Amino acid sequence: MVKIRLMTINDWKGVEEVWKEHEGTNPVDDCEEGFTRYLKRNPATSFVAVDGDRIIGTILAGHDGRRGFFHHVVVAPEYRNRGIGEDMVNHAMDALEKEGIQKTALVVFEDNDLGNGFWEHIGFTTRPDLVYRNKYIK
């Protein structure tokens, strides 16, 4: 039976395993050090889906004090289409609301049809008036 629980720093190995085939991860941020730093900054808002002792889903969720952000909402392929992703999102949104956050945002690759379909299905909208930009500091 799959359960959703709070993500902890000790979950790194299982999280890393789920992320291996997730094309949105990168070695700059999504290493053990970056994961640990994120959870220390956001200790009560990220969740994992577990089946027994195996982590089969992740949602990194945090905020900057006014806006929530979701990263790496991933469910192992063999567990998809069971409502697990939506359940993790709901847990994260409840946790963010408890911290006074009223809105959350995320980034999805334009050609990620599965991901974009998921977000549309659960009521997330697109912002065609925005352009996402980033730049590495180093």
N, C-alpha and C. Protein backbone atom coordinates (compact mmCIF):
# COMPACT_ATOMS: atom_id res chain seq x y z
N MET A 1 0.84 -1.18 0.00
CA MET A 1 0.00 0.00 0.00
C MET A 1 0.89 1.25 0.00
N VAL A 2 0.61 2.18 -0.90
CA VAL A 2 1.39 3.41 -1.02
C VAL A 2 0.92 4.42 0.01
N LYS A 3 1.88 5.03 0.69
CA LYS A 3 1.59 6.07 1.68
C LYS A 3 2.42 7.31 1.35
N ILE A 4 1.90 8.45 1.73
CA ILE A 4 2.61 9.72 1.55
C ILE A 4 3.10 10.15 2.93
N ARG A 5 4.38 10.51 3.00
CA ARG A 5 4.93 11.00 4.26
C ARG A 5 5.92 12.13 4.00
N LEU A 6 6.23 12.85 5.04
CA LEU A 6 7.18 13.95 4.96
C LEU A 6 8.54 13.44 4.50
N MET A 7 9.17 14.16 3.59
CA MET A 7 10.51 13.81 3.11
C MET A 7 11.53 14.24 4.15
N THR A 8 12.56 13.42 4.35
CA THR A 8 13.64 13.76 5.28
C THR A 8 14.98 13.67 4.56
N ILE A 9 15.99 14.24 5.18
CA ILE A 9 17.34 14.19 4.63
C ILE A 9 17.80 12.75 4.46
N ASN A 10 17.35 11.86 5.33
CA ASN A 10 17.73 10.44 5.25
C ASN A 10 17.15 9.74 4.03
N ASP A 11 16.25 10.38 3.30
CA ASP A 11 15.62 9.79 2.12
C ASP A 11 16.45 9.94 0.85
N TRP A 12 17.62 10.58 0.93
CA TRP A 12 18.37 10.91 -0.27
C TRP A 12 18.55 9.73 -1.24
N LYS A 13 19.00 8.59 -0.78
CA LYS A 13 19.29 7.47 -1.69
C LYS A 13 18.03 7.04 -2.46
N GLY A 14 16.91 6.95 -1.78
CA GLY A 14 15.66 6.57 -2.45
C GLY A 14 15.17 7.65 -3.40
N VAL A 15 15.32 8.90 -3.02
CA VAL A 15 14.94 10.01 -3.88
C VAL A 15 15.82 10.01 -5.13
N GLU A 16 17.12 9.85 -4.93
CA GLU A 16 18.05 9.81 -6.05
C GLU A 16 17.67 8.71 -7.03
N GLU A 17 17.25 7.58 -6.52
CA GLU A 17 16.85 6.45 -7.38
C GLU A 17 15.64 6.83 -8.24
N VAL A 18 14.65 7.49 -7.66
CA VAL A 18 13.46 7.90 -8.41
C VAL A 18 13.83 8.94 -9.46
N TRP A 19 14.77 9.81 -9.14
CA TRP A 19 15.15 10.89 -10.05
C TRP A 19 16.04 10.44 -11.20
N LYS A 20 16.61 9.26 -11.13
CA LYS A 20 17.56 8.81 -12.16
C LYS A 20 17.03 8.96 -13.58
N GLU A 21 15.77 8.66 -13.78
CA GLU A 21 15.21 8.71 -15.13
C GLU A 21 14.36 9.96 -15.35
N HIS A 22 14.40 10.89 -14.43
CA HIS A 22 13.63 12.13 -14.54
C HIS A 22 14.50 13.18 -15.23
N GLU A 23 14.16 13.55 -16.46
CA GLU A 23 15.03 14.41 -17.25
C GLU A 23 15.13 15.84 -16.74
N GLY A 24 14.35 16.24 -15.76
CA GLY A 24 14.42 17.61 -15.26
C GLY A 24 15.46 17.82 -14.17
N THR A 25 16.19 16.79 -13.79
CA THR A 25 17.20 16.96 -12.75
C THR A 25 18.53 17.32 -13.37
N ASN A 26 19.39 17.93 -12.56
CA ASN A 26 20.72 18.28 -13.05
C ASN A 26 21.73 18.14 -11.91
N PRO A 27 22.98 17.83 -12.24
CA PRO A 27 23.98 17.57 -11.20
C PRO A 27 24.39 18.80 -10.39
N VAL A 28 24.08 19.99 -10.86
CA VAL A 28 24.45 21.20 -10.12
C VAL A 28 23.60 21.34 -8.85
N ASP A 29 22.29 21.20 -8.99
CA ASP A 29 21.37 21.39 -7.86
C ASP A 29 20.92 20.08 -7.22
N ASP A 30 20.81 19.05 -8.02
CA ASP A 30 20.13 17.84 -7.59
C ASP A 30 21.09 16.75 -7.15
N CYS A 31 22.03 17.17 -6.33
CA CYS A 31 22.99 16.26 -5.71
C CYS A 31 22.61 16.17 -4.23
N GLU A 32 23.28 15.33 -3.51
CA GLU A 32 22.95 15.16 -2.08
C GLU A 32 23.09 16.47 -1.32
N GLU A 33 24.12 17.24 -1.62
CA GLU A 33 24.33 18.52 -0.94
C GLU A 33 23.18 19.50 -1.21
N GLY A 34 22.77 19.62 -2.47
CA GLY A 34 21.66 20.51 -2.81
C GLY A 34 20.35 20.05 -2.19
N PHE A 35 20.12 18.75 -2.22
CA PHE A 35 18.92 18.16 -1.61
C PHE A 35 18.87 18.48 -0.12
N THR A 36 19.98 18.26 0.57
CA THR A 36 20.05 18.52 2.01
C THR A 36 19.82 19.99 2.31
N ARG A 37 20.44 20.86 1.55
CA ARG A 37 20.28 22.30 1.75
C ARG A 37 18.81 22.71 1.58
N TYR A 38 18.16 22.15 0.55
CA TYR A 38 16.76 22.48 0.29
C TYR A 38 15.86 22.04 1.45
N LEU A 39 16.07 20.82 1.94
CA LEU A 39 15.22 20.32 3.03
C LEU A 39 15.48 21.05 4.34
N LYS A 40 16.70 21.48 4.57
CA LYS A 40 16.98 22.26 5.78
C LYS A 40 16.26 23.60 5.72
N ARG A 41 16.16 24.16 4.54
CA ARG A 41 15.47 25.44 4.37
C ARG A 41 13.95 25.28 4.38
N ASN A 42 13.48 24.12 3.94
CA ASN A 42 12.04 23.83 3.83
C ASN A 42 11.74 22.48 4.49
N PRO A 43 11.82 22.39 5.81
CA PRO A 43 11.73 21.09 6.47
C PRO A 43 10.35 20.44 6.55
N ALA A 44 9.29 21.19 6.28
CA ALA A 44 7.95 20.65 6.52
C ALA A 44 7.05 20.65 5.30
N THR A 45 7.61 20.80 4.10
CA THR A 45 6.75 20.97 2.93
C THR A 45 7.01 20.00 1.78
N SER A 46 8.01 19.15 1.88
CA SER A 46 8.33 18.19 0.82
C SER A 46 7.92 16.79 1.26
N PHE A 47 7.51 15.97 0.28
CA PHE A 47 6.96 14.66 0.61
C PHE A 47 7.47 13.57 -0.32
N VAL A 48 7.40 12.34 0.16
CA VAL A 48 7.68 11.17 -0.65
C VAL A 48 6.48 10.24 -0.59
N ALA A 49 6.31 9.49 -1.67
CA ALA A 49 5.34 8.39 -1.69
C ALA A 49 6.17 7.13 -1.50
N VAL A 50 5.73 6.27 -0.59
CA VAL A 50 6.47 5.05 -0.31
C VAL A 50 5.56 3.83 -0.45
N ASP A 51 6.15 2.77 -0.97
CA ASP A 51 5.49 1.48 -1.03
C ASP A 51 6.38 0.55 -0.21
N GLY A 52 5.98 0.26 1.00
CA GLY A 52 6.84 -0.46 1.93
C GLY A 52 8.01 0.44 2.28
N ASP A 53 9.23 -0.03 2.03
CA ASP A 53 10.43 0.77 2.29
C ASP A 53 10.93 1.49 1.04
N ARG A 54 10.30 1.28 -0.08
CA ARG A 54 10.77 1.87 -1.34
C ARG A 54 10.10 3.21 -1.62
N ILE A 55 10.91 4.23 -1.89
CA ILE A 55 10.39 5.53 -2.31
C ILE A 55 10.03 5.41 -3.78
N ILE A 56 8.77 5.73 -4.10
CA ILE A 56 8.30 5.60 -5.48
C ILE A 56 7.81 6.94 -6.04
N GLY A 57 7.84 8.00 -5.22
CA GLY A 57 7.41 9.31 -5.69
C GLY A 57 8.01 10.40 -4.84
N THR A 58 8.19 11.58 -5.46
CA THR A 58 8.78 12.72 -4.74
C THR A 58 8.09 14.02 -5.13
N ILE A 59 8.06 14.94 -4.18
CA ILE A 59 7.72 16.32 -4.47
C ILE A 59 8.56 17.20 -3.55
N LEU A 60 9.45 17.97 -4.14
CA LEU A 60 10.17 19.00 -3.39
C LEU A 60 9.28 20.23 -3.42
N ALA A 61 8.93 20.72 -2.26
CA ALA A 61 8.08 21.91 -2.18
C ALA A 61 8.67 22.84 -1.14
N GLY A 62 8.71 24.09 -1.47
CA GLY A 62 9.24 25.09 -0.56
C GLY A 62 8.67 26.45 -0.89
N HIS A 63 9.17 27.46 -0.20
CA HIS A 63 8.68 28.81 -0.46
C HIS A 63 9.73 29.84 -0.09
N ASP A 64 9.50 31.04 -0.58
CA ASP A 64 10.40 32.16 -0.30
C ASP A 64 9.78 33.15 0.68
N GLY A 65 8.70 32.74 1.33
CA GLY A 65 8.01 33.61 2.26
C GLY A 65 6.72 34.18 1.70
N ARG A 66 6.57 34.17 0.39
CA ARG A 66 5.34 34.66 -0.22
C ARG A 66 4.79 33.76 -1.31
N ARG A 67 5.65 33.01 -1.99
CA ARG A 67 5.21 32.14 -3.08
C ARG A 67 5.81 30.76 -2.92
N GLY A 68 4.97 29.74 -3.11
CA GLY A 68 5.45 28.37 -3.06
C GLY A 68 5.99 27.92 -4.40
N PHE A 69 6.87 26.92 -4.37
CA PHE A 69 7.45 26.37 -5.58
C PHE A 69 7.50 24.85 -5.48
N PHE A 70 7.18 24.19 -6.58
CA PHE A 70 7.28 22.74 -6.65
C PHE A 70 8.43 22.38 -7.58
N HIS A 71 9.18 21.35 -7.18
CA HIS A 71 10.27 20.83 -7.99
C HIS A 71 10.20 19.31 -7.96
N HIS A 72 10.52 18.69 -9.06
CA HIS A 72 10.67 17.24 -9.15
C HIS A 72 9.49 16.46 -8.56
N VAL A 73 8.34 16.74 -9.12
CA VAL A 73 7.16 15.94 -8.79
C VAL A 73 7.24 14.73 -9.72
N VAL A 74 7.68 13.62 -9.15
CA VAL A 74 7.99 12.43 -9.94
C VAL A 74 7.34 11.22 -9.29
N VAL A 75 6.75 10.38 -10.12
CA VAL A 75 6.23 9.09 -9.68
C VAL A 75 6.86 8.04 -10.58
N ALA A 76 7.39 6.98 -9.98
CA ALA A 76 7.99 5.89 -10.76
C ALA A 76 6.98 5.41 -11.80
N PRO A 77 7.44 5.14 -13.03
CA PRO A 77 6.52 4.79 -14.12
C PRO A 77 5.50 3.71 -13.79
N GLU A 78 5.91 2.67 -13.11
CA GLU A 78 4.98 1.56 -12.82
C GLU A 78 3.91 1.92 -11.79
N TYR A 79 4.01 3.11 -11.18
CA TYR A 79 3.03 3.54 -10.18
C TYR A 79 2.15 4.70 -10.67
N ARG A 80 2.35 5.12 -11.90
CA ARG A 80 1.60 6.27 -12.41
C ARG A 80 0.14 5.93 -12.67
N ASN A 81 -0.67 6.98 -12.76
CA ASN A 81 -2.11 6.88 -13.02
C ASN A 81 -2.88 6.20 -11.89
N ARG A 82 -2.39 6.39 -10.68
CA ARG A 82 -3.07 5.86 -9.49
C ARG A 82 -3.44 6.98 -8.52
N GLY A 83 -3.21 8.23 -8.90
CA GLY A 83 -3.53 9.36 -8.02
C GLY A 83 -2.43 9.72 -7.04
N ILE A 84 -1.28 9.07 -7.15
CA ILE A 84 -0.18 9.30 -6.21
C ILE A 84 0.39 10.71 -6.37
N GLY A 85 0.61 11.13 -7.61
CA GLY A 85 1.13 12.48 -7.84
C GLY A 85 0.21 13.54 -7.28
N GLU A 86 -1.07 13.41 -7.55
CA GLU A 86 -2.04 14.38 -7.04
C GLU A 86 -2.08 14.37 -5.52
N ASP A 87 -1.97 13.20 -4.93
CA ASP A 87 -1.97 13.09 -3.47
C ASP A 87 -0.75 13.82 -2.88
N MET A 88 0.42 13.64 -3.51
CA MET A 88 1.62 14.34 -3.03
C MET A 88 1.45 15.85 -3.17
N VAL A 89 0.89 16.29 -4.29
CA VAL A 89 0.65 17.72 -4.50
C VAL A 89 -0.27 18.27 -3.42
N ASN A 90 -1.34 17.54 -3.11
CA ASN A 90 -2.27 18.00 -2.08
C ASN A 90 -1.59 18.10 -0.71
N HIS A 91 -0.76 17.12 -0.38
CA HIS A 91 -0.02 17.19 0.89
C HIS A 91 0.87 18.43 0.92
N ALA A 92 1.57 18.67 -0.18
CA ALA A 92 2.48 19.82 -0.24
C ALA A 92 1.71 21.13 -0.17
N MET A 93 0.58 21.20 -0.86
CA MET A 93 -0.21 22.44 -0.82
C MET A 93 -0.77 22.69 0.57
N ASP A 94 -1.20 21.65 1.26
CA ASP A 94 -1.67 21.81 2.64
C ASP A 94 -0.54 22.30 3.54
N ALA A 95 0.65 21.74 3.37
CA ALA A 95 1.81 22.14 4.18
C ALA A 95 2.17 23.60 3.91
N LEU A 96 2.15 23.99 2.64
CA LEU A 96 2.45 25.39 2.30
C LEU A 96 1.40 26.33 2.87
N GLU A 97 0.14 25.93 2.80
CA GLU A 97 -0.93 26.76 3.36
C GLU A 97 -0.74 26.96 4.86
N LYS A 98 -0.32 25.92 5.57
CA LYS A 98 -0.05 26.05 7.01
C LYS A 98 1.05 27.06 7.30
N GLU A 99 1.92 27.30 6.30
CA GLU A 99 3.00 28.28 6.46
C GLU A 99 2.62 29.64 5.91
N GLY A 100 1.33 29.82 5.58
CA GLY A 100 0.83 31.11 5.13
C GLY A 100 0.99 31.39 3.65
N ILE A 101 1.30 30.37 2.86
CA ILE A 101 1.51 30.55 1.43
C ILE A 101 0.18 30.34 0.70
N GLN A 102 -0.16 31.27 -0.18
CA GLN A 102 -1.45 31.24 -0.88
C GLN A 102 -1.38 30.80 -2.34
N LYS A 103 -0.17 30.75 -2.92
CA LYS A 103 -0.04 30.43 -4.34
C LYS A 103 1.27 29.69 -4.55
N THR A 104 1.26 28.75 -5.49
CA THR A 104 2.49 28.03 -5.81
C THR A 104 2.72 28.02 -7.31
N ALA A 105 3.98 27.86 -7.68
CA ALA A 105 4.37 27.87 -9.09
C ALA A 105 5.32 26.70 -9.36
N LEU A 106 5.50 26.38 -10.62
CA LEU A 106 6.41 25.32 -11.02
C LEU A 106 6.79 25.53 -12.47
N VAL A 107 7.82 24.80 -12.90
CA VAL A 107 8.29 24.86 -14.28
C VAL A 107 8.21 23.46 -14.85
N VAL A 108 7.68 23.35 -16.07
CA VAL A 108 7.60 22.08 -16.77
C VAL A 108 8.14 22.29 -18.18
N PHE A 109 8.95 21.36 -18.66
CA PHE A 109 9.42 21.45 -20.04
C PHE A 109 8.22 21.47 -20.98
N GLU A 110 8.28 22.33 -21.98
CA GLU A 110 7.18 22.48 -22.93
C GLU A 110 6.81 21.17 -23.62
N ASP A 111 7.81 20.34 -23.92
CA ASP A 111 7.54 19.08 -24.63
C ASP A 111 7.23 17.90 -23.71
N ASN A 112 7.06 18.17 -22.42
CA ASN A 112 6.72 17.12 -21.46
C ASN A 112 5.20 16.96 -21.44
N ASP A 113 4.68 16.23 -22.41
CA ASP A 113 3.23 16.07 -22.55
C ASP A 113 2.60 15.41 -21.33
N LEU A 114 3.27 14.38 -20.80
CA LEU A 114 2.75 13.69 -19.63
C LEU A 114 2.64 14.64 -18.44
N GLY A 115 3.72 15.36 -18.18
CA GLY A 115 3.73 16.30 -17.06
C GLY A 115 2.74 17.43 -17.24
N ASN A 116 2.72 18.03 -18.42
CA ASN A 116 1.79 19.13 -18.66
C ASN A 116 0.34 18.67 -18.57
N GLY A 117 0.07 17.47 -19.05
CA GLY A 117 -1.27 16.92 -18.94
C GLY A 117 -1.67 16.72 -17.48
N PHE A 118 -0.72 16.23 -16.67
CA PHE A 118 -0.98 16.04 -15.24
C PHE A 118 -1.34 17.37 -14.58
N TRP A 119 -0.52 18.41 -14.80
CA TRP A 119 -0.76 19.70 -14.14
C TRP A 119 -2.07 20.32 -14.59
N GLU A 120 -2.40 20.22 -15.86
CA GLU A 120 -3.68 20.74 -16.35
C GLU A 120 -4.84 19.97 -15.72
N HIS A 121 -4.70 18.66 -15.62
CA HIS A 121 -5.75 17.81 -15.05
C HIS A 121 -6.08 18.22 -13.61
N ILE A 122 -5.07 18.62 -12.84
CA ILE A 122 -5.35 18.96 -11.44
C ILE A 122 -5.53 20.47 -11.23
N GLY A 123 -5.69 21.22 -12.32
CA GLY A 123 -6.12 22.61 -12.20
C GLY A 123 -5.04 23.69 -12.25
N PHE A 124 -3.80 23.32 -12.56
CA PHE A 124 -2.75 24.33 -12.70
C PHE A 124 -2.84 24.95 -14.09
N THR A 125 -2.69 26.24 -14.16
CA THR A 125 -2.80 26.95 -15.43
C THR A 125 -1.43 27.42 -15.91
N THR A 126 -1.35 27.77 -17.17
CA THR A 126 -0.11 28.30 -17.73
C THR A 126 -0.14 29.82 -17.70
N ARG A 127 1.04 30.42 -17.77
CA ARG A 127 1.17 31.88 -17.82
C ARG A 127 1.87 32.24 -19.13
N PRO A 128 1.14 32.42 -20.20
CA PRO A 128 1.79 32.74 -21.49
C PRO A 128 2.43 34.12 -21.51
N ASP A 129 2.17 34.94 -20.50
CA ASP A 129 2.75 36.28 -20.44
C ASP A 129 4.13 36.30 -19.78
N LEU A 130 4.62 35.14 -19.34
CA LEU A 130 5.91 35.08 -18.66
C LEU A 130 6.95 34.35 -19.50
N VAL A 131 8.19 34.71 -19.28
CA VAL A 131 9.32 34.00 -19.87
C VAL A 131 10.19 33.56 -18.70
N TYR A 132 10.48 32.28 -18.65
CA TYR A 132 11.33 31.74 -17.60
C TYR A 132 12.78 31.96 -17.99
N ARG A 133 13.56 32.50 -17.08
CA ARG A 133 14.99 32.73 -17.35
C ARG A 133 15.80 32.22 -16.16
N ASN A 134 17.03 31.79 -16.44
CA ASN A 134 17.95 31.44 -15.36
C ASN A 134 19.37 31.65 -15.82
N LYS A 135 20.27 31.66 -14.84
CA LYS A 135 21.68 31.81 -15.13
C LYS A 135 22.46 31.20 -13.98
N TYR A 136 23.44 30.38 -14.30
CA TYR A 136 24.28 29.80 -13.27
C TYR A 136 25.17 30.89 -12.67
N ILE A 137 25.33 30.89 -11.36
CA ILE A 137 26.18 31.86 -10.69
C ILE A 137 27.64 31.57 -10.97
N LYS A 138 28.01 30.31 -10.97
CA LYS A 138 29.41 29.91 -11.27
C LYS A 138 29.45 29.14 -12.56
